[in-house]
Amino acid sequence: MSPMTKSFIHDIYSFAKQEGVDIVSFDKGQSKDEVTQRYLAKFSAQEGVLYIGKAQEKFNTFRTSKKFSTDT
């Protein structure tokens, strides 16, 4: 992980601790809308940060495989 990334993550965790904001880790397939609605129901301020969401990273990749044709 690059130093810039480590610094960014550290700053996010510091902000969350300082401001009392929860960091929520989302599981695969978990509804972020449902979590947000629960936090909104408890939120009474005019504006602010509800929570910091941490989701699995999505990225495309490729696979290599040998394909065999009975025609060739």
C-alpha atoms as a PDB file:
ATOM      1  CA  MET A   1       0.000   0.000   0.000  1.00  0.00           C
ATOM      2  CA  SER A   2       1.401   3.392  -0.954  1.00  0.00           C
ATOM      3  CA  PRO A   3       2.302   5.960   1.727  1.00  0.00           C
ATOM      4  CA  MET A   4      -0.387   8.292   0.351  1.00  0.00           C
ATOM      5  CA  THR A   5      -3.038   5.583   0.749  1.00  0.00           C
ATOM      6  CA  LYS A   6      -1.887   4.754   4.287  1.00  0.00           C
ATOM      7  CA  SER A   7      -2.012   8.432   5.208  1.00  0.00           C
ATOM      8  CA  PHE A   8      -5.513   8.813   3.741  1.00  0.00           C
ATOM      9  CA  ILE A   9      -6.807   5.789   5.669  1.00  0.00           C
ATOM     10  CA  HIS A  10      -5.202   7.064   8.869  1.00  0.00           C
ATOM     11  CA  ASP A  11      -6.856  10.461   8.388  1.00  0.00           C
ATOM     12  CA  ILE A  12     -10.276   8.850   7.877  1.00  0.00           C
ATOM     13  CA  TYR A  13      -9.960   6.790  11.054  1.00  0.00           C
ATOM     14  CA  SER A  14      -8.723   9.844  12.976  1.00  0.00           C
ATOM     15  CA  PHE A  15     -11.684  11.896  11.749  1.00  0.00           C
ATOM     16  CA  ALA A  16     -14.129   9.132  12.698  1.00  0.00           C
ATOM     17  CA  LYS A  17     -12.670   8.853  16.204  1.00  0.00           C
ATOM     18  CA  GLN A  18     -12.517  12.616  16.748  1.00  0.00           C
ATOM     19  CA  GLU A  19     -16.092  13.209  15.545  1.00  0.00           C
ATOM     20  CA  GLY A  20     -17.628  10.037  16.973  1.00  0.00           C
ATOM     21  CA  VAL A  21     -18.615   8.715  13.545  1.00  0.00           C
ATOM     22  CA  ASP A  22     -19.057   4.962  13.092  1.00  0.00           C
ATOM     23  CA  ILE A  23     -17.092   3.123  10.424  1.00  0.00           C
ATOM     24  CA  VAL A  24     -19.381   0.467   8.947  1.00  0.00           C
ATOM     25  CA  SER A  25     -17.936  -2.491   7.065  1.00  0.00           C
ATOM     26  CA  PHE A  26     -20.359  -3.818   4.476  1.00  0.00           C
ATOM     27  CA  ASP A  27     -20.558  -7.473   3.656  1.00  0.00           C
ATOM     28  CA  LYS A  28     -21.068  -8.694   0.114  1.00  0.00           C
ATOM     29  CA  GLY A  29     -24.726  -8.206  -0.819  1.00  0.00           C
ATOM     30  CA  GLN A  30     -25.565  -6.170   2.282  1.00  0.00           C
ATOM     31  CA  SER A  31     -28.011  -3.334   1.617  1.00  0.00           C
ATOM     32  CA  LYS A  32     -26.347   0.029   2.157  1.00  0.00           C
ATOM     33  CA  ASP A  33     -29.768   1.673   1.907  1.00  0.00           C
ATOM     34  CA  GLU A  34     -31.053  -0.268   4.928  1.00  0.00           C
ATOM     35  CA  VAL A  35     -28.028   0.699   7.008  1.00  0.00           C
ATOM     36  CA  THR A  36     -28.412   4.329   5.949  1.00  0.00           C
ATOM     37  CA  GLN A  37     -32.103   4.339   6.911  1.00  0.00           C
ATOM     38  CA  ARG A  38     -31.234   3.028  10.410  1.00  0.00           C
ATOM     39  CA  TYR A  39     -28.654   5.778  10.867  1.00  0.00           C
ATOM     40  CA  LEU A  40     -31.033   8.433   9.512  1.00  0.00           C
ATOM     41  CA  ALA A  41     -33.700   7.369  12.013  1.00  0.00           C
ATOM     42  CA  LYS A  42     -31.280   8.132  14.886  1.00  0.00           C
ATOM     43  CA  PHE A  43     -29.840  11.324  13.343  1.00  0.00           C
ATOM     44  CA  SER A  44     -31.216  14.574  14.741  1.00  0.00           C
ATOM     45  CA  ALA A  45     -28.756  17.210  13.498  1.00  0.00           C
ATOM     46  CA  GLN A  46     -29.499  19.550  10.600  1.00  0.00           C
ATOM     47  CA  GLU A  47     -26.464  18.253   8.701  1.00  0.00           C
ATOM     48  CA  GLY A  48     -23.458  16.036   9.289  1.00  0.00           C
ATOM     49  CA  VAL A  49     -21.849  12.677   8.630  1.00  0.00           C
ATOM     50  CA  LEU A  50     -24.080   9.656   9.292  1.00  0.00           C
ATOM     51  CA  TYR A  51     -21.355   7.035   9.055  1.00  0.00           C
ATOM     52  CA  ILE A  52     -18.331   6.107   6.990  1.00  0.00           C
ATOM     53  CA  GLY A  53     -18.977   3.086   4.799  1.00  0.00           C
ATOM     54  CA  LYS A  54     -16.277   0.585   4.012  1.00  0.00           C
ATOM     55  CA  ALA A  55     -17.153  -1.777   1.166  1.00  0.00           C
ATOM     56  CA  GLN A  56     -15.311  -4.474  -0.695  1.00  0.00           C
ATOM     57  CA  GLU A  57     -13.384  -3.178  -3.644  1.00  0.00           C
ATOM     58  CA  LYS A  58     -14.711  -4.218  -7.028  1.00  0.00           C
ATOM     59  CA  PHE A  59     -12.404  -4.637  -9.952  1.00  0.00           C
ATOM     60  CA  ASN A  60     -12.404  -6.444 -13.246  1.00  0.00           C
ATOM     61  CA  THR A  61      -9.918  -9.138 -13.934  1.00  0.00           C
ATOM     62  CA  PHE A  62      -9.346 -11.644 -16.650  1.00  0.00           C
ATOM     63  CA  ARG A  63      -8.846 -15.382 -16.585  1.00  0.00           C
ATOM     64  CA  THR A  64      -6.769 -17.530 -18.799  1.00  0.00           C
ATOM     65  CA  SER A  65      -7.988 -20.943 -19.697  1.00  0.00           C
ATOM     66  CA  LYS A  66      -7.268 -23.460 -22.369  1.00  0.00           C
ATOM     67  CA  LYS A  67     -10.191 -24.154 -24.632  1.00  0.00           C
ATOM     68  CA  PHE A  68     -10.319 -27.236 -26.697  1.00  0.00           C
ATOM     69  CA  SER A  69     -12.339 -27.627 -29.836  1.00  0.00           C
ATOM     70  CA  THR A  70     -13.345 -30.982 -31.172  1.00  0.00           C
ATOM     71  CA  ASP A  71     -13.545 -29.409 -34.654  1.00  0.00           C
ATOM     72  CA  THR A  72      -9.845 -28.511 -34.924  1.00  0.00           C
END
